[in-house]
């Protein structure tokens, strides 16, 4: 799907839009990210509207989740973009509480395009993403778990308890682990990440071992190298004081 690059571009822009970045560059990167996200969001709605099918629920969930991640930026800097210029025309990118959602394509009927708010906060976008991933079934498991980990990190960054999101992420990854070997390895690796976030080195180590046992022997060395590059997991396992 062509919306994939738009979602990835949104994430790339978000990763560059750090508080340490000069304000002019921060605003430009974030402005581009929001514009890319709006294009992505409109495309996912159009695909669902034209297909009159729920097959693309996971794709729409990705669009909601990308918007949720964008609103994870410092909101006081985001509000500076509420009236931003794009290609010579002024486009309002933000409302009073969050991202403005592009209008659905056409007027048509059906559940695909109705009941969408005109504006959504970070929490509301997360809720919409969760609903879309649940509707997507098995295809929504991995992105649902990743969203829960993101929300847990957001809770930690604001000194709030992340355990509800970490528990939900674990439940989702456990369900994913019942799929094929590739999904099993990915699921257990992510459960190791969740355990590291929860400061559970014992479970993180166990989850990593299960992950590596699920990996094809020819790919095991590559996975081990990737695990070693994950500083959070390595630090939790090696440096935790009982």
Protein backbone atom coordinates (compact mmCIF):
# COMPACT_ATOMS: atom_id res chain seq x y z
CA UNK A 1 0.00 0.00 0.00
CA UNK A 2 1.29 3.47 -0.82
CA UNK A 3 0.30 4.80 2.59
CA UNK A 4 3.12 2.80 4.18
CA UNK A 5 5.83 5.29 3.15
CA UNK A 6 3.67 8.16 4.42
CA UNK A 7 3.42 6.52 7.84
CA UNK A 8 7.15 5.87 7.87
CA UNK A 9 7.85 9.46 6.80
CA UNK A 10 5.65 10.67 9.66
CA UNK A 11 7.71 8.59 12.08
CA UNK A 12 10.96 9.83 10.54
CA UNK A 13 9.88 13.45 10.89
CA UNK A 14 8.75 12.82 14.45
CA UNK A 15 12.14 11.29 15.30
CA UNK A 16 13.88 14.43 14.04
CA UNK A 17 11.50 16.77 15.87
CA UNK A 18 13.30 16.68 19.21
CA UNK A 19 13.27 19.40 21.86
CA UNK A 20 17.02 19.89 21.33
CA UNK A 21 16.43 20.73 17.67
CA UNK A 22 16.46 24.47 16.82
CA UNK A 23 12.83 25.71 16.88
CA UNK A 24 12.76 26.56 13.18
CA UNK A 25 13.87 23.05 12.19
CA UNK A 26 11.59 21.43 14.76
CA UNK A 27 8.54 23.20 13.38
CA UNK A 28 9.44 22.41 9.77
CA UNK A 29 10.02 18.71 10.40
CA UNK A 30 6.87 18.39 12.47
CA UNK A 31 4.84 20.37 9.93
CA UNK A 32 5.95 17.99 7.21
CA UNK A 33 5.17 15.01 9.43
CA UNK A 34 1.62 16.20 10.08
CA UNK A 35 1.03 16.93 6.39
CA UNK A 36 2.34 13.46 5.48
CA UNK A 37 0.11 11.95 8.14
CA UNK A 38 -2.96 13.76 6.79
CA UNK A 39 -2.25 12.39 3.30
CA UNK A 40 -1.81 8.92 4.73
CA UNK A 41 -5.01 9.19 6.75
CA UNK A 42 -7.03 10.37 3.75
CA UNK A 43 -5.67 7.52 1.65
CA UNK A 44 -6.61 4.86 4.19
CA UNK A 45 -10.14 6.25 4.40
CA UNK A 46 -10.40 6.29 0.60
CA UNK A 47 -9.22 2.69 0.32
CA UNK A 48 -11.78 1.52 2.87
CA UNK A 49 -14.52 3.63 1.33
CA UNK A 50 -13.87 2.37 -2.20
CA UNK A 51 -13.50 -1.25 -1.19
CA UNK A 52 -16.53 -1.19 1.15
CA UNK A 53 -14.61 -3.78 3.16
CA UNK A 54 -13.11 -4.16 6.60
CA UNK A 55 -10.01 -5.86 5.16
CA UNK A 56 -8.03 -2.68 5.67
CA UNK A 57 -8.73 -2.21 9.38
CA UNK A 58 -5.08 -2.77 10.31
CA UNK A 59 -4.03 -0.13 7.78
CA UNK A 60 -6.44 2.39 9.26
CA UNK A 61 -5.22 1.45 12.73
CA UNK A 62 -1.68 2.29 11.61
CA UNK A 63 -2.87 5.72 10.48
CA UNK A 64 -4.55 6.42 13.83
CA UNK A 65 -1.48 5.16 15.72
CA UNK A 66 0.84 7.38 13.66
CA UNK A 67 -1.30 10.39 14.61
CA UNK A 68 -1.15 9.33 18.25
CA UNK A 69 2.65 9.23 18.07
CA UNK A 70 2.78 12.67 16.46
CA UNK A 71 0.81 14.10 19.37
CA UNK A 72 3.40 12.60 21.69
CA UNK A 73 5.56 15.61 20.84
CA UNK A 74 5.56 18.59 23.24
CA UNK A 75 2.12 20.05 22.68
CA UNK A 76 3.23 23.63 23.31
CA UNK A 77 5.46 23.34 20.23
CA UNK A 78 2.76 21.58 18.25
CA UNK A 79 0.33 24.42 18.83
CA UNK A 80 2.73 26.77 17.07
CA UNK A 81 1.80 24.88 13.90
CA UNK A 82 -1.95 25.37 14.20
CA UNK A 83 -1.83 27.72 11.22
CA UNK A 84 0.93 26.44 8.97
CA UNK A 85 1.72 27.26 5.35
CA UNK A 86 2.02 24.47 2.80
CA UNK A 87 2.74 25.09 -0.89
CA UNK A 88 1.51 28.66 -0.67
CA UNK A 89 -1.80 27.94 1.02
CA UNK A 90 -2.64 28.17 4.70
CA UNK A 91 -3.75 24.86 6.18
CA UNK A 92 -4.93 24.46 9.72
CA UNK A 93 -3.16 21.40 11.03
CA UNK A 94 -4.20 21.46 14.67
CA UNK A 95 -7.36 22.20 16.54
CA UNK A 96 -7.81 23.34 20.11
CA UNK A 97 -7.08 19.91 21.60
CA UNK A 98 -5.38 17.75 18.97
CA UNK A 99 -5.02 16.83 15.31
CA UNK A 100 -7.71 17.83 12.85
CA UNK A 101 -8.86 14.75 10.92
CA UNK A 102 -9.31 15.12 7.16
CA UNK A 103 -12.95 14.69 6.09
CA UNK A 104 -13.95 11.25 4.80
CA UNK A 105 -14.11 10.83 1.00
CA UNK A 106 -17.54 11.37 -0.54
CA UNK A 107 -20.72 11.06 1.43
CA UNK A 108 -21.68 7.36 0.98
CA UNK A 109 -23.16 5.16 3.63
CA UNK A 110 -21.84 2.39 5.81
CA UNK A 111 -19.73 2.04 8.91
CA UNK A 112 -16.49 2.72 7.09
CA UNK A 113 -16.65 6.50 7.14
CA UNK A 114 -19.24 7.41 9.74
CA UNK A 115 -18.77 8.43 13.36
CA UNK A 116 -15.33 9.96 12.80
CA UNK A 117 -14.61 13.05 14.90
CA UNK A 118 -13.38 16.21 13.23
CA UNK A 119 -10.60 16.50 15.80
CA UNK A 120 -8.87 13.96 18.02
CA UNK A 121 -6.53 14.02 20.99
CA UNK A 122 -3.63 11.63 21.54
CA UNK A 123 -5.83 9.46 23.77
CA UNK A 124 -8.71 9.45 21.29
CA UNK A 125 -6.44 8.47 18.41
CA UNK A 126 -5.06 5.63 20.52
CA UNK A 127 -8.61 4.43 21.22
CA UNK A 128 -9.50 4.59 17.52
CA UNK A 129 -6.33 2.67 16.65
CA UNK A 130 -7.11 -0.02 19.22
CA UNK A 131 -10.62 -0.47 17.82
CA UNK A 132 -9.27 -0.79 14.27
CA UNK A 133 -6.63 -3.33 15.31
CA UNK A 134 -9.22 -5.42 17.18
CA UNK A 135 -11.42 -5.41 14.08
CA UNK A 136 -8.42 -6.51 12.00
CA UNK A 137 -8.08 -9.76 13.94
CA UNK A 138 -4.74 -11.55 13.66
CA UNK A 139 -3.29 -8.85 11.39
CA UNK A 140 -3.79 -6.29 14.14
CA UNK A 141 -1.96 -8.15 16.92
CA UNK A 142 1.61 -6.95 16.31
CA UNK A 143 0.76 -3.27 15.72
CA UNK A 144 -1.62 -3.35 18.71
CA UNK A 145 1.19 -4.57 20.94
CA UNK A 146 3.57 -1.95 19.57
CA UNK A 147 0.97 0.75 20.23
CA UNK A 148 0.60 -0.40 23.84
CA UNK A 149 4.37 -0.23 24.31
CA UNK A 150 4.38 3.31 22.91
CA UNK A 151 1.60 4.31 25.30
CA UNK A 152 3.51 2.75 28.19
CA UNK A 153 6.58 4.81 27.31
CA UNK A 154 4.41 7.92 27.20
CA UNK A 155 3.12 7.11 30.68
CA UNK A 156 6.67 6.64 31.96
CA UNK A 157 7.79 9.93 30.41
CA UNK A 158 5.13 11.78 32.39
CA UNK A 159 5.74 9.89 35.66
CA UNK A 160 2.53 7.87 35.39
CA UNK A 161 2.05 4.15 35.94
CA UNK A 162 2.55 2.27 32.63
CA UNK A 163 1.59 -1.17 33.92
CA UNK A 164 -1.91 -1.28 32.40
CA UNK A 165 -0.46 -0.77 28.92
CA UNK A 166 2.42 -3.19 29.57
CA UNK A 167 -0.07 -5.85 30.71
CA UNK A 168 -2.20 -5.32 27.61
CA UNK A 169 0.92 -5.49 25.39
CA UNK A 170 1.92 -8.79 27.00
CA UNK A 171 -1.54 -10.26 26.42
CA UNK A 172 -1.45 -9.23 22.76
CA UNK A 173 2.05 -10.62 22.19
CA UNK A 174 1.11 -13.88 23.91
CA UNK A 175 -1.75 -14.23 21.42
CA UNK A 176 0.67 -13.46 18.57
CA UNK A 177 3.09 -16.13 19.79
CA UNK A 178 0.49 -18.79 18.94
CA UNK A 179 0.94 -18.08 15.22
CA UNK A 180 3.77 -19.33 13.00
CA UNK A 181 7.48 -19.50 13.93
CA UNK A 182 8.27 -15.99 12.66
CA UNK A 183 5.43 -14.44 14.64
CA UNK A 184 6.43 -16.48 17.70
CA UNK A 185 9.98 -15.13 17.65
CA UNK A 186 8.83 -11.54 17.16
CA UNK A 187 6.22 -11.91 19.90
CA UNK A 188 8.70 -13.24 22.46
CA UNK A 189 11.25 -10.57 21.59
CA UNK A 190 8.63 -7.91 22.20
CA UNK A 191 7.63 -9.58 25.46
CA UNK A 192 11.29 -9.30 26.48
CA UNK A 193 11.10 -5.59 25.71
CA UNK A 194 7.93 -5.29 27.79
CA UNK A 195 9.62 -7.11 30.69
CA UNK A 196 12.60 -4.74 30.46
CA UNK A 197 10.24 -1.76 30.61
CA UNK A 198 8.59 -3.31 33.67
CA UNK A 199 12.03 -3.85 35.25
CA UNK A 200 11.61 -7.64 35.24
CA UNK A 201 15.06 -8.97 34.23
CA UNK A 202 14.12 -12.56 35.07
CA UNK A 203 11.20 -12.57 32.64
CA UNK A 204 13.14 -10.56 30.05
CA UNK A 205 15.90 -13.19 30.00
CA UNK A 206 13.38 -16.04 29.78
CA UNK A 207 11.50 -14.32 26.95
CA UNK A 208 14.72 -13.74 25.02
CA UNK A 209 15.69 -17.41 25.33
CA UNK A 210 12.27 -18.47 24.06
CA UNK A 211 12.58 -15.98 21.20
CA UNK A 212 15.97 -17.30 20.10
CA UNK A 213 14.77 -20.92 20.29
CA UNK A 214 11.95 -20.00 17.92
CA UNK A 215 14.31 -18.44 15.36
CA UNK A 216 15.57 -20.51 12.46
CA UNK A 217 19.15 -21.64 13.24
CA UNK A 218 20.45 -19.87 10.13
CA UNK A 219 19.02 -16.56 11.42
CA UNK A 220 19.95 -16.94 15.08
CA UNK A 221 23.29 -15.10 14.93
CA UNK A 222 21.61 -12.11 13.26
CA UNK A 223 18.96 -11.98 15.97
CA UNK A 224 21.58 -12.20 18.72
CA UNK A 225 23.44 -9.26 17.21
CA UNK A 226 20.22 -7.23 17.11
CA UNK A 227 19.47 -8.08 20.73
CA UNK A 228 22.93 -6.90 21.75
CA UNK A 229 22.18 -3.55 20.14
CA UNK A 230 19.06 -3.15 22.28
CA UNK A 231 20.57 -1.28 25.21
CA UNK A 232 17.42 -1.31 27.33
CA UNK A 233 17.11 -5.10 27.41
CA UNK A 234 20.83 -5.72 27.93
CA UNK A 235 21.01 -3.14 30.71
CA UNK A 236 17.96 -4.55 32.49
CA UNK A 237 19.27 -8.11 32.43
CA UNK A 238 22.91 -7.38 33.31
CA UNK A 239 22.67 -4.44 35.69
CA UNK A 240 19.49 -5.03 37.69
CA UNK A 241 20.09 -5.11 41.43
CA UNK A 242 17.78 -7.53 43.25
